[in-house]
Amino acid sequence: MFKKVLVANRGEIAVRIIRACRELGIETVAVYSEADRHALHVRYADEAYLLGPAPSRESYLRVDKILDVAKRSGADAIHPGYGFLAERDDFSAACEENNIAFIGPKPSSIAAMGDKAEARATVIKAGVPVVPGTEDVGNMTNDDLLRIAPTIGFPLLIKATAGGGGKGMREVKAIEEMPTLLESARREAESAFGDGNVYLEKLVEGARHIEIQILADSHGNVIHLGERECSLQRRHQKLLEEAPSSALDEDLRNQMGAVAVKSAQAVNYINAGTIEFLLDKDKNFYFLEMNTRLQVEHPVTEMVTGIDIVKEQIRIARGRVLSYKQDEVKFNGHAIECRINAEDPYSNFMPSTGRITHSLLPTGPGVRVDTGVYPGFEITPFYDPMIAKLIVWGETRAQAILRMRRALEEYRIVGVRTNIPFHQTMMDSHRFMAGQYDTRFVEERFSMEEAEEHRENHEEVAAILATLVAHRETERSANIVQRNERDTSNWKWVGRWERMHR
């Protein structure tokens, strides 16, 4: 087992990894930027080292600084978490060159699946169905893409080959708007990933976004841990995930799981990864992409399988055999995860920054909160606005929804605006409760108007209560309490009188 692991990340995922290491008896090293000097992961780790200024390009994306810290601290392994350097094959290779274990896949696997166009070509050779789109690997000019687009058909998506999370992605409805959208997609991809290359993909309308969690060791064993439903998105950013999906039955789950395993085997994949699919209205599924890292939403899989994915990552990186065989993976109950972000759902989800003055976490049976903040912590504009992940488990989906409602009601965050009201409204949505939604549901068929009405009522009640409190305080301050003529209270006088007449 490793003696010391450096966590090359921040926020809730850094805290999550540190906790897993602590349970395994492994020392941890945190790295932080100047903006994160007082962050929770810095407090939790055994050691912590400053990387540099707040911008990630000067801190969390500096491979040279992170490797230097690893050497100085004596860390024998690095866990990248998700985001930042997690899907950089050059970072994985640099770790190998410096005799530091990378808790993730090999550089070759990251390179093969990290480039989305290359990933499509790889799985096509393996016989995996893909969404129609550009098949060529390598940089394609705007003229090439404009020529190919009509053969794919509209609407279609322009997507960055080097990343995900909605960055560098544009929806194109007609050829006339495509040149402008191509330029903006390339600029955003270059800014986010340092690579402006893009490719085209047919937009599957009415689709659901289903992903399969896989684990693979260095001994040739590959298993899947079932699916996660990730269709509730806004601007291609996931908002809520659940496991299992209400759209899949046992037969379809086994089919998609088998294809996911086949996709991983096509690149000799090792460690944890996720194969993402689109599922159309007719239950046909298509390979979308592979994320060669730990996913934000991994806790819902942990809740229904009982498997600690982070610990398995560490075991695999150490060269151990997987702890489970495929027939030993059992699914129990239902789990839902809500991403609690510092953004205002009443103002088009504008980011909210500031200092958290109060935080009350929900607790109780089946409730889990993964967070990296605390009262007094400042939410800055430099990083992702995620405050926490609220995860609940129930014996059934209905019970999980009821439990999530209760947990959201208990959750209190003061100092910044959050999207908790959005999640509360979603839990009350009849279409969500019925499991009738797709990737366009939030943007096209969901509204916060009902929540807005509740909000207005709450503001009116709050104003009345504030007025009553102010009136009471005014009256109290107007009352003058005079000192008793005697030097002590009447009770003491009575006590003295009783003692004198005993």
Protein backbone atom coordinates (compact mmCIF):
# COMPACT_ATOMS: atom_id res chain seq x y z
CA MET A 1 0.00 0.00 0.00
CA PHE A 2 1.12 3.57 -0.57
CA LYS A 3 2.60 5.43 2.40
CA LYS A 4 1.74 8.95 1.28
CA VAL A 5 -0.66 10.26 -1.40
CA LEU A 6 -0.67 13.78 -2.83
CA VAL A 7 -4.15 14.99 -3.77
CA ALA A 8 -3.78 17.25 -6.80
CA ASN A 9 -7.16 18.92 -6.43
CA ARG A 10 -9.31 21.10 -4.18
CA GLY A 11 -12.84 21.34 -2.76
CA GLU A 12 -15.11 18.47 -1.88
CA ILE A 13 -13.34 15.90 -4.05
CA ALA A 14 -10.01 16.58 -2.31
CA VAL A 15 -11.70 16.09 1.08
CA ARG A 16 -13.35 12.89 -0.21
CA ILE A 17 -10.01 11.42 -1.31
CA ILE A 18 -8.25 12.44 1.92
CA ARG A 19 -10.95 10.66 3.95
CA ALA A 20 -10.52 7.47 1.91
CA CYS A 21 -6.76 7.59 2.43
CA ARG A 22 -7.19 8.18 6.14
CA GLU A 23 -9.39 5.07 6.43
CA LEU A 24 -6.67 3.09 4.65
CA GLY A 25 -3.98 4.43 6.99
CA ILE A 26 -2.27 6.47 4.25
CA GLU A 27 -0.78 9.89 4.94
CA THR A 28 -1.97 12.72 2.69
CA VAL A 29 -0.51 15.84 1.13
CA ALA A 30 -2.70 18.77 0.06
CA VAL A 31 -1.80 21.47 -2.42
CA TYR A 32 -3.55 24.82 -2.52
CA SER A 33 -3.63 28.21 -4.18
CA GLU A 34 -3.54 31.52 -2.34
CA ALA A 35 -7.35 31.69 -2.56
CA ASP A 36 -7.62 28.27 -0.86
CA ARG A 37 -5.19 28.91 1.98
CA HIS A 38 -7.95 28.24 4.54
CA ALA A 39 -9.79 25.55 2.57
CA LEU A 40 -11.12 22.43 4.26
CA HIS A 41 -8.87 20.03 2.33
CA VAL A 42 -5.84 21.97 3.57
CA ARG A 43 -6.99 21.49 7.16
CA TYR A 44 -7.75 17.78 6.70
CA ALA A 45 -4.47 16.71 5.11
CA ASP A 46 -1.37 15.73 7.07
CA GLU A 47 0.72 18.20 5.07
CA ALA A 48 -0.13 21.15 2.82
CA TYR A 49 1.92 23.13 0.29
CA LEU A 50 1.24 26.40 -1.49
CA LEU A 51 1.24 26.19 -5.30
CA GLY A 52 0.81 29.81 -6.29
CA PRO A 53 -1.76 32.54 -7.09
CA ALA A 54 -5.50 31.90 -7.32
CA PRO A 55 -5.88 31.37 -11.11
CA SER A 56 -5.74 27.62 -11.80
CA ARG A 57 -3.27 28.04 -14.65
CA GLU A 58 -0.79 29.37 -12.06
CA SER A 59 -1.58 26.78 -9.38
CA TYR A 60 -3.66 23.63 -9.85
CA LEU A 61 -2.68 23.25 -13.52
CA ARG A 62 1.06 23.57 -12.91
CA VAL A 63 2.42 20.06 -13.42
CA ASP A 64 5.97 21.13 -12.54
CA LYS A 65 4.96 22.62 -9.18
CA ILE A 66 2.82 19.62 -8.20
CA LEU A 67 5.60 17.16 -9.02
CA ASP A 68 8.06 19.29 -7.06
CA VAL A 69 5.76 19.17 -4.02
CA ALA A 70 5.40 15.39 -4.41
CA LYS A 71 9.19 14.98 -4.33
CA ARG A 72 9.69 17.35 -1.40
CA SER A 73 6.96 15.73 0.67
CA GLY A 74 7.99 12.17 -0.16
CA ALA A 75 4.63 11.26 -1.71
CA ASP A 76 4.73 7.98 -3.63
CA ALA A 77 1.39 8.47 -5.41
CA ILE A 78 -0.80 11.28 -6.79
CA HIS A 79 -4.59 11.25 -7.03
CA PRO A 80 -5.87 13.87 -9.51
CA GLY A 81 -9.58 13.76 -8.53
CA TYR A 82 -11.65 15.19 -11.39
CA GLY A 83 -11.13 18.31 -13.49
CA PHE A 84 -7.82 20.19 -13.62
CA LEU A 85 -5.14 17.56 -14.52
CA ALA A 86 -7.26 14.41 -14.15
CA GLU A 87 -7.52 13.75 -17.90
CA ARG A 88 -4.11 15.00 -18.97
CA ASP A 89 -2.03 12.17 -20.43
CA ASP A 90 1.12 14.29 -20.13
CA PHE A 91 0.57 14.59 -16.37
CA SER A 92 0.11 10.81 -16.04
CA ALA A 93 3.26 10.27 -18.09
CA ALA A 94 5.22 12.81 -16.03
CA CYS A 95 4.27 10.95 -12.84
CA GLU A 96 5.56 7.69 -14.32
CA GLU A 97 8.83 9.36 -15.40
CA ASN A 98 9.37 10.58 -11.83
CA ASN A 99 8.58 7.17 -10.29
CA ILE A 100 5.37 8.45 -8.72
CA ALA A 101 2.24 6.31 -9.08
CA PHE A 102 -0.66 7.99 -10.88
CA ILE A 103 -3.97 6.88 -9.35
CA GLY A 104 -5.75 6.74 -12.65
CA PRO A 105 -5.39 5.23 -16.13
CA LYS A 106 -2.26 4.89 -18.25
CA PRO A 107 -1.20 7.83 -20.44
CA SER A 108 -2.04 5.83 -23.58
CA SER A 109 -5.62 5.20 -22.39
CA ILE A 110 -6.13 8.86 -21.47
CA ALA A 111 -4.80 9.93 -24.86
CA ALA A 112 -7.00 7.44 -26.71
CA MET A 113 -10.19 8.32 -24.85
CA GLY A 114 -9.38 11.89 -23.83
CA ASP A 115 -9.54 13.06 -27.42
CA LYS A 116 -13.25 12.62 -28.17
CA ALA A 117 -12.77 12.20 -31.92
CA GLU A 118 -10.09 9.56 -31.37
CA ALA A 119 -12.32 7.83 -28.81
CA ARG A 120 -15.12 7.57 -31.37
CA ALA A 121 -12.77 6.04 -33.91
CA THR A 122 -11.41 3.58 -31.33
CA VAL A 123 -14.78 2.24 -30.20
CA ILE A 124 -16.08 2.09 -33.76
CA LYS A 125 -13.26 -0.36 -34.54
CA ALA A 126 -14.38 -2.37 -31.50
CA GLY A 127 -17.91 -2.58 -32.90
CA VAL A 128 -19.49 -0.20 -30.39
CA PRO A 129 -22.45 1.87 -31.73
CA VAL A 130 -21.79 5.62 -31.81
CA VAL A 131 -23.84 8.74 -32.47
CA PRO A 132 -23.48 9.73 -36.17
CA GLY A 133 -20.85 12.42 -36.68
CA THR A 134 -17.37 13.15 -38.03
CA GLU A 135 -15.25 10.01 -38.21
CA ASP A 136 -11.86 11.55 -39.07
CA VAL A 137 -9.20 11.76 -36.38
CA GLY A 138 -7.04 14.89 -36.17
CA ASN A 139 -7.57 18.59 -36.63
CA MET A 140 -10.24 19.51 -39.15
CA THR A 141 -10.60 22.98 -40.63
CA ASN A 142 -13.82 24.97 -40.56
CA ASP A 143 -14.20 24.37 -44.30
CA ASP A 144 -13.95 20.59 -43.74
CA LEU A 145 -16.60 20.69 -41.02
CA LEU A 146 -18.92 22.93 -43.08
CA ARG A 147 -18.68 20.48 -45.97
CA ILE A 148 -19.41 17.43 -43.80
CA ALA A 149 -22.22 18.97 -41.68
CA PRO A 150 -25.06 18.52 -44.26
CA THR A 151 -24.26 14.81 -44.59
CA ILE A 152 -24.71 14.39 -40.82
CA GLY A 153 -27.90 16.42 -40.75
CA PHE A 154 -29.25 19.17 -38.50
CA PRO A 155 -29.62 19.81 -35.63
CA LEU A 156 -26.09 18.83 -34.66
CA LEU A 157 -23.51 19.61 -31.98
CA ILE A 158 -20.07 21.15 -32.27
CA LYS A 159 -17.96 19.58 -29.51
CA ALA A 160 -14.41 20.11 -28.26
CA THR A 161 -12.22 17.05 -28.79
CA ALA A 162 -10.14 17.73 -25.67
CA GLY A 163 -12.71 18.22 -22.93
CA GLY A 164 -16.22 18.01 -21.56
CA GLY A 165 -18.57 19.68 -19.10
CA GLY A 166 -20.24 21.65 -21.90
CA LYS A 167 -17.09 23.67 -22.64
CA GLY A 168 -16.52 24.27 -26.33
CA MET A 169 -19.96 22.89 -27.19
CA ARG A 170 -22.50 24.59 -29.46
CA GLU A 171 -25.85 23.46 -30.89
CA VAL A 172 -26.31 24.17 -34.59
CA LYS A 173 -29.80 24.26 -36.10
CA ALA A 174 -28.90 25.45 -39.61
CA ILE A 175 -25.82 25.71 -41.83
CA GLU A 176 -26.10 29.53 -41.94
CA GLU A 177 -25.28 29.92 -38.23
CA MET A 178 -22.51 27.34 -38.20
CA PRO A 179 -19.44 29.52 -39.11
CA THR A 180 -20.02 31.86 -36.17
CA LEU A 181 -20.69 29.00 -33.76
CA LEU A 182 -17.57 27.17 -34.93
CA GLU A 183 -15.39 30.16 -34.10
CA SER A 184 -16.93 30.66 -30.64
CA ALA A 185 -16.66 26.92 -29.84
CA ARG A 186 -12.98 26.88 -30.83
CA ARG A 187 -12.23 29.96 -28.73
CA GLU A 188 -13.90 28.48 -25.65
CA ALA A 189 -12.19 25.10 -26.14
CA GLU A 190 -8.80 26.80 -26.50
CA SER A 191 -9.39 28.81 -23.33
CA ALA A 192 -10.64 25.84 -21.28
CA PHE A 193 -8.38 23.03 -22.51
CA GLY A 194 -5.56 24.66 -24.46
CA ASP A 195 -6.82 22.86 -27.59
CA GLY A 196 -9.26 24.48 -30.02
CA ASN A 197 -9.93 21.35 -32.07
CA VAL A 198 -13.62 20.39 -32.46
CA TYR A 199 -15.71 17.71 -34.14
CA LEU A 200 -19.37 17.28 -35.12
CA GLU A 201 -22.00 14.98 -33.69
CA LYS A 202 -25.67 14.48 -34.57
CA LEU A 203 -28.04 15.84 -31.91
CA VAL A 204 -30.21 12.94 -30.76
CA GLU A 205 -33.50 14.61 -29.82
CA GLY A 206 -35.50 13.37 -26.84
CA ALA A 207 -32.47 11.39 -25.62
CA ARG A 208 -31.48 10.44 -22.11
CA HIS A 209 -27.92 10.64 -20.85
CA ILE A 210 -26.91 7.33 -19.27
CA GLU A 211 -23.43 6.53 -18.02
CA ILE A 212 -21.92 3.24 -16.90
CA GLN A 213 -19.29 3.13 -14.15
CA ILE A 214 -16.45 0.69 -14.84
CA LEU A 215 -13.48 -0.57 -12.83
CA ALA A 216 -10.50 -2.30 -14.40
CA ASP A 217 -7.32 -3.67 -12.83
CA SER A 218 -3.88 -4.43 -14.26
CA HIS A 219 -4.64 -8.17 -14.28
CA GLY A 220 -7.18 -7.99 -17.11
CA ASN A 221 -10.33 -7.85 -14.98
CA VAL A 222 -12.99 -5.32 -16.03
CA ILE A 223 -16.38 -4.95 -14.35
CA HIS A 224 -19.21 -2.43 -14.47
CA LEU A 225 -21.11 -1.05 -11.47
CA GLY A 226 -24.38 -0.31 -13.22
CA GLU A 227 -25.71 2.93 -14.60
CA ARG A 228 -26.33 6.50 -13.52
CA GLU A 229 -29.11 8.67 -14.92
CA CYS A 230 -27.61 12.07 -15.81
CA SER A 231 -30.26 13.59 -18.08
CA LEU A 232 -31.12 16.57 -15.89
CA GLN A 233 -28.74 19.14 -17.32
CA ARG A 234 -28.58 22.82 -18.05
CA ARG A 235 -26.27 24.05 -20.80
CA HIS A 236 -24.78 20.54 -20.89
CA GLN A 237 -23.85 20.77 -17.20
CA LYS A 238 -25.29 18.04 -14.99
CA LEU A 239 -27.47 19.22 -12.10
CA LEU A 240 -28.84 16.03 -10.58
CA GLU A 241 -28.00 12.35 -10.95
CA GLU A 242 -29.64 9.14 -9.78
CA ALA A 243 -29.01 5.41 -9.80
CA PRO A 244 -30.45 3.24 -11.12
CA SER A 245 -32.18 4.84 -14.12
CA SER A 246 -35.95 4.49 -14.43
CA ALA A 247 -35.48 4.16 -18.21
CA LEU A 248 -33.56 0.87 -18.04
CA ASP A 249 -34.67 -2.66 -17.32
CA GLU A 250 -32.39 -5.52 -16.33
CA ASP A 251 -31.83 -6.71 -19.89
CA LEU A 252 -30.91 -3.25 -21.23
CA ARG A 253 -28.67 -2.64 -18.22
CA ASN A 254 -26.74 -5.83 -18.95
CA GLN A 255 -26.41 -4.92 -22.65
CA MET A 256 -25.07 -1.43 -21.92
CA GLY A 257 -22.79 -2.77 -19.20
CA ALA A 258 -21.31 -5.32 -21.60
CA VAL A 259 -20.68 -2.63 -24.23
CA ALA A 260 -19.06 -0.38 -21.60
CA VAL A 261 -16.70 -3.18 -20.59
CA LYS A 262 -15.90 -3.82 -24.26
CA SER A 263 -15.11 -0.11 -24.78
CA ALA A 264 -12.71 -0.12 -21.83
CA GLN A 265 -11.00 -3.28 -23.05
CA ALA A 266 -10.50 -1.67 -26.47
CA VAL A 267 -7.90 0.70 -24.96
CA ASN A 268 -6.53 -1.66 -22.29
CA TYR A 269 -8.06 0.57 -19.66
CA ILE A 270 -6.95 0.41 -16.01
CA ASN A 271 -8.57 2.09 -12.96
CA ALA A 272 -11.98 3.78 -12.64
CA GLY A 273 -13.71 5.27 -15.66
CA THR A 274 -17.12 6.07 -17.08
CA ILE A 275 -18.63 5.23 -20.45
CA GLU A 276 -21.33 7.73 -21.41
CA PHE A 277 -24.22 6.83 -23.71
CA LEU A 278 -27.22 8.51 -25.28
CA LEU A 279 -30.43 6.49 -25.09
CA ASP A 280 -33.07 7.44 -27.66
CA LYS A 281 -36.84 7.14 -27.43
CA ASP A 282 -36.74 3.65 -28.96
CA LYS A 283 -34.22 2.37 -26.36
CA ASN A 284 -31.34 2.40 -28.85
CA PHE A 285 -28.10 3.44 -27.17
CA TYR A 286 -25.01 5.09 -28.64
CA PHE A 287 -21.50 5.63 -27.28
CA LEU A 288 -21.02 9.31 -26.46
CA GLU A 289 -17.61 9.53 -24.77
CA MET A 290 -15.43 8.06 -22.05
CA ASN A 291 -14.35 9.99 -18.97
CA THR A 292 -10.98 8.63 -17.90
CA ARG A 293 -11.32 9.73 -14.28
CA LEU A 294 -13.49 9.70 -11.20
CA GLN A 295 -16.88 11.32 -11.84
CA VAL A 296 -18.51 14.03 -9.75
CA GLU A 297 -21.57 11.81 -9.38
CA HIS A 298 -19.76 8.64 -8.27
CA PRO A 299 -21.43 8.69 -4.79
CA VAL A 300 -24.81 7.51 -6.12
CA THR A 301 -23.14 4.36 -7.44
CA GLU A 302 -21.40 3.87 -4.10
CA MET A 303 -24.73 4.20 -2.29
CA VAL A 304 -26.51 1.51 -4.32
CA THR A 305 -23.59 -0.93 -4.62
CA GLY A 306 -21.80 -0.42 -1.28
CA ILE A 307 -18.47 -0.23 -3.17
CA ASP A 308 -16.02 2.54 -2.25
CA ILE A 309 -14.79 3.59 -5.70
CA VAL A 310 -11.97 5.82 -4.41
CA LYS A 311 -10.52 3.00 -2.31
CA GLU A 312 -10.75 0.68 -5.30
CA GLN A 313 -8.84 3.26 -7.36
CA ILE A 314 -6.02 3.21 -4.81
CA ARG A 315 -5.97 -0.60 -4.68
CA ILE A 316 -5.82 -0.83 -8.48
CA ALA A 317 -3.00 1.72 -8.71
CA ARG A 318 -1.09 -0.39 -6.18
CA GLY A 319 -1.34 -3.37 -8.54
CA ARG A 320 -3.98 -5.29 -6.58
CA VAL A 321 -6.74 -7.42 -8.08
CA LEU A 322 -10.26 -5.98 -8.05
CA SER A 323 -12.08 -6.65 -4.79
CA TYR A 324 -15.22 -7.75 -6.67
CA LYS A 325 -16.18 -9.96 -9.57
CA GLN A 326 -19.05 -8.98 -11.84
CA ASP A 327 -21.50 -11.47 -10.32
CA GLU A 328 -20.69 -10.07 -6.85
CA VAL A 329 -21.89 -6.56 -7.74
CA LYS A 330 -25.39 -6.19 -6.29
CA PHE A 331 -27.72 -3.20 -6.58
CA ASN A 332 -29.71 -2.20 -3.55
CA GLY A 333 -32.29 0.59 -3.40
CA HIS A 334 -32.14 3.97 -5.11
CA ALA A 335 -29.84 6.99 -4.72
CA ILE A 336 -30.16 10.62 -5.83
CA GLU A 337 -27.49 13.33 -5.86
CA CYS A 338 -28.17 17.08 -6.02
CA ARG A 339 -25.27 19.36 -6.85
CA ILE A 340 -25.49 22.34 -4.50
CA ASN A 341 -23.97 25.28 -6.37
CA ALA A 342 -23.40 28.92 -5.45
CA GLU A 343 -25.74 30.33 -8.10
CA ASP A 344 -29.10 32.07 -8.17
CA PRO A 345 -31.83 30.01 -9.90
CA TYR A 346 -34.12 33.06 -9.87
CA SER A 347 -31.62 35.11 -11.91
CA ASN A 348 -30.76 32.71 -14.72
CA PHE A 349 -28.38 30.78 -12.45
CA MET A 350 -25.94 33.67 -12.13
CA PRO A 351 -22.89 32.69 -10.03
CA SER A 352 -22.91 33.97 -6.45
CA THR A 353 -19.74 34.82 -4.57
CA GLY A 354 -19.14 35.84 -0.98
CA ARG A 355 -18.42 34.50 2.47
CA ILE A 356 -20.52 31.68 3.93
CA THR A 357 -21.68 33.00 7.31
CA HIS A 358 -23.79 30.01 8.36
CA SER A 359 -24.09 26.40 7.22
CA LEU A 360 -26.37 23.73 8.66
CA LEU A 361 -25.95 20.32 7.01
CA PRO A 362 -28.84 17.83 6.78
CA THR A 363 -28.38 14.55 8.62
CA GLY A 364 -30.38 11.44 9.41
CA PRO A 365 -30.85 7.99 7.85
CA GLY A 366 -29.68 7.63 4.27
CA VAL A 367 -28.25 11.15 3.96
CA ARG A 368 -24.69 11.94 2.87
CA VAL A 369 -23.10 15.35 2.25
CA ASP A 370 -19.77 15.69 0.45
CA THR A 371 -18.55 19.25 0.88
CA GLY A 372 -15.39 21.31 1.05
CA VAL A 373 -16.78 24.46 2.69
CA TYR A 374 -17.62 25.63 6.21
CA PRO A 375 -18.90 28.82 7.93
CA GLY A 376 -16.38 31.54 7.24
CA PHE A 377 -15.19 30.05 3.92
CA GLU A 378 -15.25 32.40 0.95
CA ILE A 379 -16.71 31.39 -2.43
CA THR A 380 -14.49 33.05 -5.05
CA PRO A 381 -14.96 33.49 -8.82
CA PHE A 382 -11.80 31.53 -9.60
CA TYR A 383 -13.20 27.99 -9.46
CA ASP A 384 -16.28 25.87 -9.99
CA PRO A 385 -19.20 27.19 -7.89
CA MET A 386 -20.01 23.79 -6.37
CA ILE A 387 -20.52 24.03 -2.60
CA ALA A 388 -21.49 20.45 -1.88
CA LYS A 389 -23.06 17.27 -3.16
CA LEU A 390 -26.17 16.16 -1.29
CA ILE A 391 -26.77 12.43 -1.71
CA VAL A 392 -29.64 10.39 -0.31
CA TRP A 393 -30.51 6.69 -0.41
CA GLY A 394 -33.89 5.02 -0.15
CA GLU A 395 -35.24 1.50 -0.50
CA THR A 396 -37.25 2.73 -3.49
CA ARG A 397 -37.09 5.76 -5.82
CA ALA A 398 -40.17 7.22 -4.15
CA GLN A 399 -38.56 6.97 -0.73
CA ALA A 400 -35.37 8.53 -2.05
CA ILE A 401 -37.34 11.50 -3.44
CA LEU A 402 -39.13 12.02 -0.12
CA ARG A 403 -35.82 11.81 1.74
CA MET A 404 -34.22 14.32 -0.63
CA ARG A 405 -37.12 16.73 -0.04
CA ARG A 406 -36.54 16.49 3.69
CA ALA A 407 -32.77 16.91 3.36
CA LEU A 408 -33.10 19.96 1.11
CA GLU A 409 -35.50 21.54 3.59
CA GLU A 410 -32.97 21.00 6.39
CA TYR A 411 -30.01 22.37 4.43
CA ARG A 412 -29.21 25.96 5.45
CA ILE A 413 -26.54 28.09 3.77
CA VAL A 414 -26.30 31.82 4.54
CA GLY A 415 -23.97 34.28 2.84
CA VAL A 416 -24.34 33.27 -0.81
CA ARG A 417 -27.29 32.32 -2.98
CA THR A 418 -27.62 28.64 -3.85
CA ASN A 419 -29.62 26.48 -6.23
CA ILE A 420 -31.36 24.62 -3.38
CA PRO A 421 -34.75 26.13 -4.41
CA PHE A 422 -34.26 24.70 -7.90
CA HIS A 423 -33.75 21.20 -6.50
CA GLN A 424 -36.76 21.60 -4.21
CA THR A 425 -38.91 22.55 -7.18
CA MET A 426 -37.55 19.61 -9.15
CA MET A 427 -38.45 17.18 -6.36
CA ASP A 428 -42.06 18.47 -6.63
CA SER A 429 -42.18 18.16 -10.43
CA HIS A 430 -44.70 15.56 -11.57
CA ARG A 431 -42.62 14.70 -14.64
CA PHE A 432 -39.54 14.13 -12.50
CA MET A 433 -41.47 12.00 -10.03
CA ALA A 434 -42.75 9.93 -12.94
CA GLY A 435 -39.25 9.62 -14.42
CA GLN A 436 -40.43 11.25 -17.67
CA TYR A 437 -37.60 13.56 -18.67
CA ASP A 438 -34.70 13.85 -21.10
CA THR A 439 -31.62 16.03 -21.58
CA ARG A 440 -33.72 19.03 -22.71
CA PHE A 441 -36.22 18.86 -19.86
CA VAL A 442 -34.70 21.59 -17.65
CA GLU A 443 -34.23 24.07 -20.49
CA GLU A 444 -37.48 23.48 -22.35
CA ARG A 445 -40.14 22.07 -20.03
CA PHE A 446 -39.17 23.08 -16.50
CA SER A 447 -39.96 26.38 -14.84
CA MET A 448 -39.10 28.09 -11.57
CA GLU A 449 -42.32 30.17 -11.71
CA GLU A 450 -43.99 28.08 -9.02
CA ALA A 451 -40.94 28.46 -6.81
CA GLU A 452 -40.98 32.20 -7.55
CA GLU A 453 -44.54 32.44 -6.22
CA HIS A 454 -43.50 30.65 -3.02
CA ARG A 455 -40.52 32.94 -2.76
CA GLU A 456 -42.72 36.05 -3.01
CA ASN A 457 -45.00 34.67 -0.30
CA HIS A 458 -42.01 33.93 1.90
CA GLU A 459 -40.69 37.46 1.41
CA GLU A 460 -44.05 38.91 2.48
CA VAL A 461 -44.16 36.73 5.59
CA ALA A 462 -40.54 37.63 6.39
CA ALA A 463 -41.34 41.35 6.07
CA ILE A 464 -44.29 41.04 8.48
CA LEU A 465 -42.23 39.10 11.01
CA ALA A 466 -39.39 41.62 10.77
CA THR A 467 -41.85 44.45 11.43
CA LEU A 468 -43.29 42.68 14.49
CA VAL A 469 -39.81 42.00 15.90
CA ALA A 470 -38.77 45.62 15.36
CA HIS A 471 -41.96 46.84 17.08
CA ARG A 472 -41.38 44.56 20.07
CA GLU A 473 -37.78 45.70 20.43
CA THR A 474 -38.85 49.35 20.26
CA GLU A 475 -41.42 48.86 23.01
CA ARG A 476 -38.94 46.97 25.15
CA SER A 477 -36.36 49.75 24.85
CA ALA A 478 -39.00 52.33 25.87
CA ASN A 479 -39.71 50.55 29.17
CA ILE A 480 -37.64 52.06 32.00
CA VAL A 481 -36.96 49.67 34.85
CA GLN A 482 -36.32 51.73 37.97
CA ARG A 483 -34.03 50.52 40.71
CA ASN A 484 -35.82 49.35 43.83
CA GLU A 485 -35.83 51.86 46.67
CA ARG A 486 -34.11 49.27 48.80
CA ASP A 487 -30.65 48.05 47.95
CA THR A 488 -31.80 44.54 47.18
CA SER A 489 -34.71 42.59 45.71
CA ASN A 490 -38.03 41.95 47.42
CA TRP A 491 -37.29 38.23 47.45
CA LYS A 492 -34.21 38.77 49.55
CA TRP A 493 -36.16 41.03 51.94
CA VAL A 494 -38.79 38.34 52.39
CA GLY A 495 -36.07 35.79 53.09
CA ARG A 496 -34.51 38.03 55.73
CA TRP A 497 -37.92 38.68 57.35
CA GLU A 498 -38.58 34.90 57.54
CA ARG A 499 -35.22 34.21 59.16
CA MET A 500 -35.79 36.98 61.77
CA HIS A 501 -39.15 35.55 62.83
CA ARG A 502 -38.24 31.88 63.12
